[in-house]
Amino acid sequence: MTAAAFTAFMPFTLLGAVTIAVMLLIAVRRSHHLIALSTIVGLLLCCIALPLAAPASPTAVTPLFIIDGSVTYYAGLVFGSALVVAILSYAYLDGATQAPREEYYLLLLTATLGAAVLPASVHFAAFFLGLETLSISLIGLIAYASPRERAAEAGIKYLVLGGASSAFLLFGMALIYADLGTLSFARIGVLSHAGSPHDLYRAVGVAMILTGVGFKLSLVPFHMWTPDIYEAAPAPVTAFVAVVSKIAVFAVLLRYFILAEGQADAALRAGLAAIAILSMLGGNLLALLQDNVKRLLAYSSIAHLGYLLVALLAGGALGIEAAAFYLAAYAVTSLGAFGIVAQLSTPESGRDADRLRDYRGLFRTRPFLAASFALMMLSLAGLPPTLGFIGKFYLITSGVGAGLFWPVAALVAGSVIGLYYYLRVLVAMAMPVPAESAVAAPLWFGNAVIAGLLLLLLAFGAYPAPAIALIRMTVGATTW
C-alpha cells in the first residue's frame, strides 16, 4: 500500500482501531459512561479525519476499494449519522438496568465500519464483505438492550430475511462471474457491451442482485420486514437502520449503476422505474393506515427510497447531485424524527413512545420537542423552508430533465398523499393533554443533538448554497 493510499484510508483504519479499543475496554472495565464516551469520541475523531485524508484522494487502496470525493462525502454522512445515534443511544440506555449496555456500542461500531466501506467498494467481494459486516451487527442491535419479546422476534426475522437476501446476492454474483469472469464493477460495464453467449446468466444475476439490494433498501415489493422491525427495535437502532444502512447501500448501488453503465441496460432501467413507482405510491398509501409513529415512519422511508431511485435513473451530474443532497436531507430529518421518539422513550417501559396517542398534547408538555418534530414532519413532506423541500425540488428537476414522466408523476402524487399522514402527527401534538399522559423526561444532551439537527434542517433549507457547493466539490468532482 502506498503512502497516499494509507493516508486516504486513514478514517476507516481509525474506526477499526476504535472498535478494537472499545472491545478491550469492555474486557477491562464495564462502565456504560466510559464505553459510550469512548465510542462518541472515536466517531468524532473519524469525522475529523475525513477532511484531513481527503487531499490524498482519489486513490485505489486495493483492487477492491477506491477512495475519492464521493466516498469522502458518503462516509462523512455515515460517520456523522452514527455519531448522532451513539449520543441518542447513551441518553436512551442511561436508565436501563436489565441488560448489559456496553456491547451495544461495540455492535454499533462494527455496523458503522461495515456501512462506511460500502461507498468505497468497486468490487462485489468488497460489497458483500461490507454488507455482511453491517447486517450481522444489525441483527444484534435490533434485539439488544430491550426486555421486550418483540425485539427478539424482530432480530430473528431480520436474521432469516437477511440471510435469504444474502443468498440472492451471492447467487446473482456467481451468475455474473460465470458470464463475464469478473466481479469488478468497471470490468462488468466494459464486458457487458462486448456481449457474450451467456447473456441470460447476466440478466438473471442482475435481477437477483437487485432483489437482495431491494431488501436492504426496503423497496417494494421487498419491504415486508420494515414496519415490524422499525416498531420492535429500540428507537436509536431504528434511526441507525433507517439512515446509516440506507445511505451506505444506496451509495454502493449508485456506484455500481454508474461504473457498470446501468443507464445502457433498458431492462434494468425499466425494472428500477417500476420499483420506484411502486415504492413511492405503496409506501405512502400504506402509511395512511398507521396509528403507530414508528410504523408510519417505516412506510415513509420506503417512499423516500423510491424518490431516490428517480435521481439514480436520471443519472448525469444533476442526478448524482440530487441523490447526494436528498440523502443528506433524509439523514438529518430521519435522525431528528427518530431521535425525538428516543428522547420520549425508555427501554424499561415495555415499548417506545410510538403510538400516535402518546403525542397528544406534546405542544403543551414538551414544546421544544413538539416544535422540532413538527418541522421534521414538514421536511419529510417536502415543504419549505426545510432541507426536504430543497431535496425534493432537486429530485423533480433531475427527473424532468431526464424525461422520467411516470416516476416524477408518482413522486408528486406520493408527496401529496404523504402530506396527510404527516399532518396527522401535528394534529395529535396540538390536541389536549390526556389525563393519563406520562412521557419520559428527555436528557439535555439528547435535546442538544435535536437542536443541532433542527439548525441544519432550517439553515440549509433556507440557504442551501454551502451544502450544494460541498456536494459539487466532492461527489460532483468524482470521475467514477
Foldseek 3Di string as FASTA:
>chain_A
DDPLLCLLCVLLVLLVVLLVVLVVVCVVDQDLVVLLVSLLVSLVVSLVSLVVSQVSDQDANDLFFTGFLLLSLLLNLLSVLLSLLSLLVCLQAVPQDPDRDSVLSSLSSQLSSLLSRLLGGQFVVSNLVSLVSNQVSLLDQQLPRFPAPLSPVLSVVSVVLLVVLSVLLVQLQVLLCVFQVGGGLQSLLVVVVVDGPPVVSNVSSVVSNCLSLCLLQLFPPNNVSQLSSLFRGQLSSNLCSLARSNSSSVSNVLVSCVSSVVLPVPVSLVVLLVRLLCQLVVLLVVLVPDQWQSSNVRSLSSNLVSLLSLLSNLDDLLSLLLNSLSSSQSSLLSSLQSLLQSQFAHSHPNGTCTGLLLQAQCCPVPVLSLVLNLLSLCLSLLHPLWSSVVSSVSSLVSNVVSVVVSSSVSNVVSSVSSVVSSVSSNVRNHHHNDPPHDTDHGDPVSSVSSVVSSCNTRVCSNPVVVVSVSCCVRVVPDPD
